[in-house]
Structures are given as C-alpha cells and as structure tokens.
Amino acid sequence: MKTHLMLLSAATMLLTAPLHGRENGPANEPEVDSAPAKNRVQIALLLDTSNSMDGLIDQAKTQLWKVVNTFTDAKRDGEAPRVEVALYEYGNNHLSVDNQWVRQVQPLSSDLDSISKALFSLKTYGGEEYCGAVIRRSLSDLRWDDSKDTYKVIFIAGNEPFTQGPVDARKACKDALAKGVTINTIHCGSREEGMTGAWHDGAALGGGKYMAINQDRAVVNIPAPQDKEISDLGIELNKTYLGYGKDRAAGSARQQEADKDASANAKAGAGVNRAVTKAGGNYRNATWDLVDAARDKKVDPAKLAEAELPEAMRGMKPEDRAAYIEKAAKERAAIQEKIVTLNREREAFVAEEMKKQAAKSDQTLDEALVETTREQASARGYTFAK
C-alpha cells in the first residue's frame, strides 16, 4: 500500500487534481441552511483513500445513513438534534502534495444528499497517509460550533502508522480536545497492529475511543419483510417535494442521485437506511423545497415570483399556494409515519435474527460509528429510544 510517489512532477499533479475537484472543498458546494440550532451534532469523517482502502470506502458509501439514523430518535431537553456531517479524504496521490495529500470533500453540512454524492465520488489511489495533517486541516477548515454542549467529533480511519507525516499527530489530537472536538480513531486491521501504529494514542489524547475494524468484511445486512415497502415509500416521498427558486433543479437531482446510489447498494441495506433517513427530522431541504422552507419560515410563498414556483403552483392565488403546500406537507408526514412504524417492526425482526447468529469478533465501519456515537452522545445528555 505504501507507494512513495513524492517525486511526482508538478505537471502530473495538475493533470490529476481535476479528477477530484478543488483541494480546499467541493467544486459546487450547495447552499446550506446555517441557522443556529440548540442541539447540534457535528461529525467529521476523515477517510484514508490510498490503495487497499476500497473496502473502507465501500462501507462508508453504503452505511452513511446508519450513522445519521443513530440520531433519528435522539432527544436532549425534549428536542431532537440537528446533525451535520463533513468529509475529508487523505493519503491519495491524486491529491496535491502541497496540501499533504489532504482534501476537504464536503464541509460541515446538513445537506445529506450532497454528502452522499461526495462519498460515492471517492476513488482510491496509493499514497502517503498523514493523519496529523488531515486532523489539523479539519480543525482549521470547519465551522465548529462554539457551544460546549455540542457533540463535536472526528472519526479518522486508516491502516498505516498514525504518526506519519510532517504534522505531529499527537499534538493535533491534543489541540482537538482543547477545542472541544473528540477524536475517535479507527484502525483498518488488527487491534494489535493499530496499537503498535499509535492509533490508540490518538484516541487517548483526543478524549475518544480507539477501534479496530475489518475494512474488507462484508457489511452484515439481514433482509426483513418490511424492506421493500420501506424502500418504496422512500421513493414515494419525492412526490411531496415542491421545488422552488434557483436551486430546485439541482436539489431534486441530488435527491434522486442519492436514491439511485442507495438502491444500487440495496444488498448492503443502503436503500432501507436511506428511506429511514428521509423520514427523520435531519433530512432537510429548505433551500430548494417549499414544504421544508415554509415549515422553517425561510420564505413567504405568497411573495415568490411566478417563475420561482413549481409549475403546478403557477397562477395560484396566495391563499391557494398555502393550501397546496399544506396538502403536500400532510402527505409527506403520513408517508414518513408509515416508514417509522415499519422500521420499528423491521428493527425488532432484525434484532431477533441477530440473536440467532454467532457474534463477529471484528466490527465493520458502520458498527463502530453507531456504537461510539451513541455512547458519546449519551454522555452529553442525549437519550435514545430503546
């Protein structure tokens, strides 16, 4: 996996960099709702995309929704949290040596469709894995919330020694903890190798948890009788979205693309988990959907120009616009309620099936993320439904 290509010419770097977009962020960042939230959860995923990490990336692509769904039924002081996710890749020689092989793929965002698209765009290519560099970049780049009550966490996953590179990884972890950001380290390989490679040190200094996973182990997904109906209802939800303004076409396209990617990985459970995410409060699209925008009081539908409205609403009187949006909102809520009910039944079925199977000694990425986020968020006052 270690391929020393530090002597790549500048010309080669210029040719390969466009394959991955800008080094400091995605080329076309979506407009993001930046309104303050009382309960905010901020999660940054730092993924090694060097050679042999295909299994890790595949797990991340298909299991993103499980991590978000961890907070679907979470509450603190009676309120649900808003989840924001950021994504970085590191250790890929298609990136820039000037940025120490690090790229911000997605800033902290609650736009889950864009995050899904970013994950599915990742490709592996052998390189130099500098954990300290990517941690430092995520600390300086991202808009971390100042509140001490916000659950702010970095998950960094990789398989080379944690201390490689010109940036002191141990100091970066201490700096994160001082900023109120927890560092959880995930070694892709045996627990013993990770200990030798100082991955445990990173978690200890960053106030987090050290985990070892098998990145090549297939994600365990137990088919349930409710799966098809849940997935179908997730697609049905799209009919309740009323695109408006300049971002409607792009927003709808991102939604459909994320659905398509999840459906293509249905065997790993991505389709079902994606539908459950869309039924939860953290799936927000107020920047392009009138139902969400009206609910959050982001726009006054009565004041929108005709050209900014969905075609079906053009020519309507202001009071008719409000009624049309309310009708779509009720239809959406009814579908979401069905998904939530079916998912409770599904989870009960899966839990019983899991009891019949022998426990695995090695975790996959989703298991590590879900278990740890629940533990750490609980310590910060969040409660989760049983």
Protein backbone atom coordinates (compact mmCIF):
# COMPACT_ATOMS: atom_id res chain seq x y z
CA MET A 1 0.00 0.00 0.00
CA LYS A 2 2.89 2.35 0.68
CA THR A 3 3.90 3.71 -2.69
CA HIS A 4 6.39 6.53 -2.45
CA LEU A 5 5.44 8.94 -5.19
CA MET A 6 6.67 12.12 -3.56
CA LEU A 7 8.70 12.94 -6.66
CA LEU A 8 5.69 13.29 -8.92
CA SER A 9 6.19 16.23 -11.21
CA ALA A 10 4.11 19.39 -10.91
CA ALA A 11 2.71 18.74 -14.35
CA THR A 12 1.40 15.33 -13.34
CA MET A 13 -0.25 16.79 -10.24
CA LEU A 14 -2.00 19.44 -12.32
CA LEU A 15 -3.34 16.79 -14.66
CA THR A 16 -4.66 14.52 -11.95
CA ALA A 17 -6.06 17.08 -9.48
CA PRO A 18 -9.13 17.99 -11.59
CA LEU A 19 -10.34 14.41 -11.26
CA HIS A 20 -11.13 15.19 -7.65
CA GLY A 21 -12.21 18.82 -7.75
CA ARG A 22 -10.76 21.61 -5.63
CA GLU A 23 -8.26 20.72 -2.94
CA ASN A 24 -9.94 23.01 -0.41
CA GLY A 25 -13.51 21.93 -0.98
CA PRO A 26 -16.05 20.63 -3.48
CA ALA A 27 -16.29 22.48 -6.77
CA ASN A 28 -20.03 23.13 -6.44
CA GLU A 29 -20.98 23.49 -2.81
CA PRO A 30 -24.75 23.53 -2.25
CA GLU A 31 -26.37 26.34 -0.35
CA VAL A 32 -26.65 25.18 3.25
CA ASP A 33 -29.08 26.24 5.96
CA SER A 34 -26.82 27.90 8.52
CA ALA A 35 -29.49 28.77 11.10
CA PRO A 36 -28.44 28.19 14.70
CA ALA A 37 -29.65 25.02 16.38
CA LYS A 38 -29.94 24.50 20.13
CA ASN A 39 -28.94 20.85 19.83
CA ARG A 40 -26.31 20.36 17.17
CA VAL A 41 -24.25 17.27 16.40
CA GLN A 42 -21.16 17.77 14.22
CA ILE A 43 -19.41 14.73 12.77
CA ALA A 44 -16.31 14.83 10.55
CA LEU A 45 -15.28 11.65 8.72
CA LEU A 46 -11.61 11.50 7.73
CA LEU A 47 -11.11 8.58 5.37
CA ASP A 48 -7.90 7.09 4.00
CA THR A 49 -8.35 6.75 0.22
CA SER A 50 -4.98 5.22 -0.56
CA ASN A 51 -4.55 1.77 -2.12
CA SER A 52 -6.26 -1.18 -0.39
CA MET A 53 -8.88 1.06 1.24
CA ASP A 54 -11.62 0.17 -1.26
CA GLY A 55 -13.40 -1.90 1.38
CA LEU A 56 -13.42 1.03 3.82
CA ILE A 57 -14.81 3.42 1.21
CA ASP A 58 -17.48 0.92 0.12
CA GLN A 59 -18.60 0.54 3.73
CA ALA A 60 -18.75 4.32 4.15
CA LYS A 61 -20.77 4.76 0.95
CA THR A 62 -23.43 2.23 1.86
CA GLN A 63 -23.65 2.80 5.61
CA LEU A 64 -23.69 6.62 5.90
CA TRP A 65 -27.41 6.54 6.59
CA LYS A 66 -26.99 4.29 9.63
CA VAL A 67 -24.82 6.93 11.28
CA VAL A 68 -27.36 9.69 10.65
CA ASN A 69 -30.21 7.41 11.71
CA THR A 70 -28.50 6.98 15.08
CA PHE A 71 -29.99 10.36 15.96
CA THR A 72 -33.44 9.85 14.42
CA ASP A 73 -34.95 9.06 17.82
CA ALA A 74 -32.45 11.02 19.95
CA LYS A 75 -33.58 13.81 22.26
CA ARG A 76 -31.95 16.26 24.64
CA ASP A 77 -34.12 18.50 26.79
CA GLY A 78 -37.04 17.24 24.74
CA GLU A 79 -35.59 18.39 21.42
CA ALA A 80 -34.10 16.43 18.52
CA PRO A 81 -30.57 17.37 17.39
CA ARG A 82 -29.57 18.69 14.01
CA VAL A 83 -26.85 16.52 12.52
CA GLU A 84 -24.10 18.00 10.33
CA VAL A 85 -21.54 15.83 8.57
CA ALA A 86 -18.20 16.77 6.97
CA LEU A 87 -15.97 14.57 4.83
CA TYR A 88 -12.22 14.56 4.15
CA GLU A 89 -10.03 12.18 2.21
CA TYR A 90 -6.31 11.78 2.76
CA GLY A 91 -3.40 9.61 1.61
CA ASN A 92 -4.32 9.69 -2.09
CA ASN A 93 -1.63 10.62 -4.60
CA HIS A 94 -4.21 12.03 -6.97
CA LEU A 95 -4.39 14.89 -4.48
CA SER A 96 -1.90 17.73 -4.09
CA VAL A 97 1.46 17.23 -2.40
CA ASP A 98 1.26 20.92 -1.42
CA ASN A 99 -1.77 20.04 0.72
CA GLN A 100 -0.02 16.95 2.12
CA TRP A 101 -2.37 14.63 0.21
CA VAL A 102 -5.44 16.01 2.03
CA ARG A 103 -8.74 17.23 0.54
CA GLN A 104 -11.91 18.56 2.06
CA VAL A 105 -14.61 16.75 0.12
CA GLN A 106 -17.58 18.27 1.96
CA PRO A 107 -17.74 20.95 4.68
CA LEU A 108 -19.99 20.51 7.72
CA SER A 109 -23.45 20.31 6.23
CA SER A 110 -26.94 19.04 6.92
CA ASP A 111 -27.44 18.55 3.16
CA LEU A 112 -27.41 14.76 3.31
CA ASP A 113 -27.91 14.32 -0.42
CA SER A 114 -24.72 16.24 -1.16
CA ILE A 115 -22.82 14.22 1.43
CA SER A 116 -23.99 11.01 -0.23
CA LYS A 117 -22.87 12.27 -3.63
CA ALA A 118 -19.47 13.20 -2.21
CA LEU A 119 -18.97 9.75 -0.70
CA PHE A 120 -19.84 7.98 -3.93
CA SER A 121 -17.32 10.15 -5.80
CA LEU A 122 -14.35 8.86 -3.78
CA LYS A 123 -11.74 6.72 -5.52
CA THR A 124 -8.66 5.08 -4.03
CA TYR A 125 -5.10 5.60 -5.24
CA GLY A 126 -1.86 4.69 -3.42
CA GLY A 127 -0.16 7.38 -1.38
CA GLU A 128 1.24 8.86 1.82
CA GLU A 129 -1.15 8.79 4.78
CA TYR A 130 -0.65 11.80 7.06
CA CYS A 131 -3.15 11.58 9.92
CA GLY A 132 -1.80 14.65 11.70
CA ALA A 133 -2.20 16.76 8.56
CA VAL A 134 -5.82 15.82 7.92
CA ILE A 135 -6.80 16.30 11.59
CA ARG A 136 -5.19 19.74 11.64
CA ARG A 137 -6.93 20.69 8.39
CA SER A 138 -10.34 19.63 9.66
CA LEU A 139 -9.84 21.63 12.87
CA SER A 140 -8.90 24.81 10.98
CA ASP A 141 -11.27 24.50 7.98
CA LEU A 142 -14.57 23.53 9.56
CA ARG A 143 -17.04 25.81 11.31
CA TRP A 144 -17.10 24.02 14.63
CA ASP A 145 -19.82 25.22 16.98
CA ASP A 146 -18.54 27.19 19.98
CA SER A 147 -21.03 25.69 22.43
CA LYS A 148 -19.50 23.27 24.94
CA ASP A 149 -22.77 21.31 24.84
CA THR A 150 -22.45 20.49 21.13
CA TYR A 151 -21.30 16.96 20.39
CA LYS A 152 -18.32 17.62 18.10
CA VAL A 153 -16.45 14.57 16.91
CA ILE A 154 -13.86 13.43 14.37
CA PHE A 155 -13.66 9.83 13.18
CA ILE A 156 -10.41 9.11 11.37
CA ALA A 157 -9.92 5.76 9.65
CA GLY A 158 -6.82 4.27 8.03
CA ASN A 159 -4.24 1.48 8.26
CA GLU A 160 -0.75 2.99 8.16
CA PRO A 161 1.07 4.24 11.30
CA PHE A 162 -0.86 7.12 12.88
CA THR A 163 2.21 9.30 13.36
CA GLN A 164 3.40 9.54 9.72
CA GLY A 165 3.95 12.89 8.05
CA PRO A 166 5.29 16.34 8.91
CA VAL A 167 2.44 17.30 11.29
CA ASP A 168 2.63 15.97 14.85
CA ALA A 169 -0.49 13.77 15.02
CA ARG A 170 -0.39 13.54 18.81
CA LYS A 171 -0.33 17.34 19.15
CA ALA A 172 -3.18 17.63 16.62
CA CYS A 173 -5.29 15.33 18.81
CA LYS A 174 -4.48 17.40 21.91
CA ASP A 175 -5.46 20.57 20.01
CA ALA A 176 -8.76 18.97 19.03
CA LEU A 177 -9.60 18.08 22.62
CA ALA A 178 -8.74 21.62 23.72
CA LYS A 179 -11.24 22.84 21.13
CA GLY A 180 -13.93 20.50 22.45
CA VAL A 181 -13.66 18.13 19.49
CA THR A 182 -13.41 14.43 20.36
CA ILE A 183 -11.03 12.27 18.30
CA ASN A 184 -12.05 8.66 17.64
CA THR A 185 -9.52 6.55 15.75
CA ILE A 186 -10.39 3.55 13.58
CA HIS A 187 -7.56 1.26 12.55
CA CYS A 188 -8.32 -0.87 9.50
CA GLY A 189 -6.62 -4.07 10.56
CA SER A 190 -5.89 -5.96 13.74
CA ARG A 191 -6.17 -4.29 17.12
CA GLU A 192 -2.55 -5.17 17.93
CA GLU A 193 -1.20 -3.60 14.73
CA GLY A 194 -3.19 -0.47 15.44
CA MET A 195 -1.74 -0.24 18.93
CA THR A 196 1.77 -0.59 17.52
CA GLY A 197 0.98 2.10 14.94
CA ALA A 198 -0.09 4.57 17.67
CA TRP A 199 -3.78 4.71 16.70
CA HIS A 200 -4.64 4.11 20.34
CA ASP A 201 -2.51 7.13 21.31
CA GLY A 202 -4.57 9.40 19.05
CA ALA A 203 -7.83 8.41 20.72
CA ALA A 204 -6.36 8.62 24.22
CA LEU A 205 -5.01 12.13 23.63
CA GLY A 206 -8.18 13.23 21.82
CA GLY A 207 -10.55 12.06 24.55
CA GLY A 208 -12.14 9.45 22.31
CA LYS A 209 -12.24 5.77 21.55
CA TYR A 210 -9.83 3.51 19.68
CA MET A 211 -11.42 0.91 17.40
CA ALA A 212 -10.14 -1.74 15.02
CA ILE A 213 -12.26 -2.90 12.09
CA ASN A 214 -12.01 -5.28 9.19
CA GLN A 215 -12.49 -2.97 6.23
CA ASP A 216 -12.82 -5.95 3.88
CA ARG A 217 -15.52 -7.76 5.82
CA ALA A 218 -18.88 -7.62 4.09
CA VAL A 219 -21.42 -5.49 5.94
CA VAL A 220 -23.96 -7.72 7.64
CA ASN A 221 -27.46 -6.91 6.41
CA ILE A 222 -30.35 -9.09 7.48
CA PRO A 223 -33.23 -8.89 5.00
CA ALA A 224 -36.56 -8.16 6.68
CA PRO A 225 -40.17 -8.47 5.43
CA GLN A 226 -40.57 -4.68 5.70
CA ASP A 227 -37.59 -3.78 3.49
CA LYS A 228 -39.29 -3.41 0.13
CA GLU A 229 -42.19 -1.34 1.42
CA ILE A 230 -39.85 0.97 3.33
CA SER A 231 -37.66 1.49 0.25
CA ASP A 232 -40.69 2.09 -1.98
CA LEU A 233 -42.10 4.64 0.46
CA GLY A 234 -38.73 6.42 0.48
CA ILE A 235 -39.06 6.97 -3.27
CA GLU A 236 -42.74 7.91 -2.86
CA LEU A 237 -41.67 10.74 -0.55
CA ASN A 238 -40.08 12.53 -3.52
CA LYS A 239 -43.54 13.29 -4.94
CA THR A 240 -44.22 15.55 -1.96
CA TYR A 241 -41.26 17.82 -2.68
CA LEU A 242 -42.12 21.17 -4.27
CA GLY A 243 -39.00 22.63 -5.84
CA TYR A 244 -38.69 26.42 -5.86
CA GLY A 245 -36.13 29.08 -6.69
CA LYS A 246 -32.78 28.81 -8.41
CA ASP A 247 -31.70 25.62 -6.61
CA ARG A 248 -34.77 23.46 -7.32
CA ALA A 249 -33.37 21.55 -10.29
CA ALA A 250 -30.01 20.87 -8.63
CA GLY A 251 -31.65 19.93 -5.32
CA SER A 252 -34.07 17.50 -6.91
CA ALA A 253 -31.24 15.98 -8.96
CA ARG A 254 -29.13 15.42 -5.82
CA GLN A 255 -32.07 13.76 -4.10
CA GLN A 256 -32.70 11.39 -7.00
CA GLU A 257 -28.99 10.61 -7.41
CA ALA A 258 -28.66 9.72 -3.72
CA ASP A 259 -31.74 7.48 -4.01
CA LYS A 260 -30.23 5.78 -7.03
CA ASP A 261 -26.88 5.17 -5.31
CA ALA A 262 -28.64 3.73 -2.26
CA SER A 263 -30.85 1.48 -4.38
CA ALA A 264 -27.79 0.18 -6.23
CA ASN A 265 -26.44 -0.97 -2.85
CA ALA A 266 -29.68 -2.44 -1.55
CA LYS A 267 -28.00 -5.74 -0.64
CA ALA A 268 -25.99 -3.86 1.99
CA GLY A 269 -29.16 -2.27 3.36
CA ALA A 270 -28.44 1.19 1.94
CA GLY A 271 -31.86 1.61 0.33
CA VAL A 272 -33.78 0.93 3.53
CA ASN A 273 -31.48 3.07 5.67
CA ARG A 274 -31.71 5.90 3.16
CA ALA A 275 -35.54 5.80 3.32
CA VAL A 276 -35.46 5.87 7.12
CA THR A 277 -33.18 8.91 6.97
CA LYS A 278 -35.64 10.70 4.67
CA ALA A 279 -38.39 10.04 7.21
CA GLY A 280 -36.40 11.71 10.00
CA GLY A 281 -36.00 15.30 11.11
CA ASN A 282 -32.41 15.58 9.94
CA TYR A 283 -33.34 15.26 6.28
CA ARG A 284 -33.85 18.96 5.46
CA ASN A 285 -34.12 20.64 2.08
CA ALA A 286 -35.35 24.14 2.87
CA THR A 287 -33.01 25.67 0.29
CA TRP A 288 -34.99 24.18 -2.59
CA ASP A 289 -38.20 22.58 -1.24
CA LEU A 290 -41.21 24.76 -0.40
CA VAL A 291 -42.61 22.36 2.20
CA ASP A 292 -39.44 22.49 4.30
CA ALA A 293 -38.91 26.19 3.58
CA ALA A 294 -42.45 27.12 4.67
CA ARG A 295 -42.16 24.97 7.79
CA ASP A 296 -38.88 26.64 8.76
CA LYS A 297 -40.23 30.08 7.75
CA LYS A 298 -37.38 30.54 5.28
CA VAL A 299 -39.61 32.03 2.59
CA ASP A 300 -43.09 33.50 2.27
CA PRO A 301 -44.72 31.52 -0.57
CA ALA A 302 -47.16 34.38 -1.20
CA LYS A 303 -44.26 36.70 -2.11
CA LEU A 304 -42.48 34.35 -4.53
CA ALA A 305 -42.46 35.34 -8.19
CA GLU A 306 -44.33 33.03 -10.55
CA ALA A 307 -41.09 31.88 -12.15
CA GLU A 308 -39.78 30.74 -8.76
CA LEU A 309 -42.73 28.45 -8.11
CA PRO A 310 -43.22 24.82 -9.17
CA GLU A 311 -45.12 24.63 -12.44
CA ALA A 312 -48.17 23.14 -10.72
CA MET A 313 -48.45 26.22 -8.48
CA ARG A 314 -48.11 28.93 -11.09
CA GLY A 315 -51.24 31.01 -11.48
CA MET A 316 -52.44 30.19 -7.96
CA LYS A 317 -53.69 32.88 -5.58
CA PRO A 318 -51.61 33.35 -2.39
CA GLU A 319 -54.14 31.52 -0.23
CA ASP A 320 -54.23 28.65 -2.72
CA ARG A 321 -50.44 28.40 -2.61
CA ALA A 322 -50.52 27.94 1.16
CA ALA A 323 -53.20 25.26 0.92
CA TYR A 324 -51.27 23.39 -1.77
CA ILE A 325 -48.10 23.39 0.33
CA GLU A 326 -50.02 22.25 3.41
CA LYS A 327 -51.54 19.36 1.46
CA ALA A 328 -48.06 18.20 0.35
CA ALA A 329 -46.80 18.55 3.93
CA LYS A 330 -49.59 16.32 5.26
CA GLU A 331 -48.96 13.71 2.57
CA ARG A 332 -45.25 13.71 3.43
CA ALA A 333 -45.91 13.39 7.16
CA ALA A 334 -48.24 10.43 6.54
CA ILE A 335 -45.62 8.60 4.45
CA GLN A 336 -42.89 9.35 6.97
CA GLU A 337 -45.05 7.99 9.78
CA LYS A 338 -45.56 4.77 7.82
CA ILE A 339 -41.80 4.42 7.33
CA VAL A 340 -41.11 4.99 11.04
CA THR A 341 -43.72 2.40 12.04
CA LEU A 342 -42.45 -0.16 9.54
CA ASN A 343 -38.86 0.46 10.64
CA ARG A 344 -39.72 -0.26 14.27
CA GLU A 345 -41.13 -3.60 13.13
CA ARG A 346 -38.07 -4.17 10.97
CA GLU A 347 -35.64 -3.43 13.79
CA ALA A 348 -37.45 -5.86 16.08
CA PHE A 349 -37.25 -8.56 13.40
CA VAL A 350 -33.53 -7.91 12.76
CA ALA A 351 -32.76 -7.94 16.50
CA GLU A 352 -34.31 -11.39 16.84
CA GLU A 353 -32.44 -12.69 13.82
CA MET A 354 -29.15 -11.31 15.15
CA LYS A 355 -29.60 -13.30 18.35
CA LYS A 356 -29.61 -16.47 16.27
CA GLN A 357 -26.29 -15.65 14.62
CA ALA A 358 -22.83 -16.04 16.10
CA ALA A 359 -21.30 -12.70 17.09
CA LYS A 360 -18.45 -11.43 14.95
CA SER A 361 -15.17 -10.57 16.67
CA ASP A 362 -14.34 -7.79 14.23
CA GLN A 363 -16.50 -4.75 13.54
CA THR A 364 -17.35 -3.01 10.29
CA LEU A 365 -17.23 0.79 9.91
CA ASP A 366 -20.95 1.32 10.48
CA GLU A 367 -20.95 -0.77 13.67
CA ALA A 368 -18.00 1.18 15.06
CA LEU A 369 -19.53 4.57 14.21
CA VAL A 370 -23.04 3.81 15.50
CA GLU A 371 -21.90 2.24 18.77
CA THR A 372 -19.46 5.05 19.55
CA THR A 373 -21.74 7.96 18.63
CA ARG A 374 -24.50 6.60 20.87
CA GLU A 375 -22.11 6.16 23.79
CA GLN A 376 -20.54 9.60 23.47
CA ALA A 377 -23.77 11.47 22.72
CA SER A 378 -25.41 9.81 25.74
CA ALA A 379 -22.61 11.20 27.90
CA ARG A 380 -23.58 14.66 26.63
CA GLY A 381 -27.19 14.34 27.70
CA TYR A 382 -28.84 12.71 24.69
CA THR A 383 -31.32 9.93 25.23
CA PHE A 384 -32.17 7.28 22.66
CA ALA A 385 -35.33 5.22 22.29
CA LYS A 386 -34.85 1.57 23.15
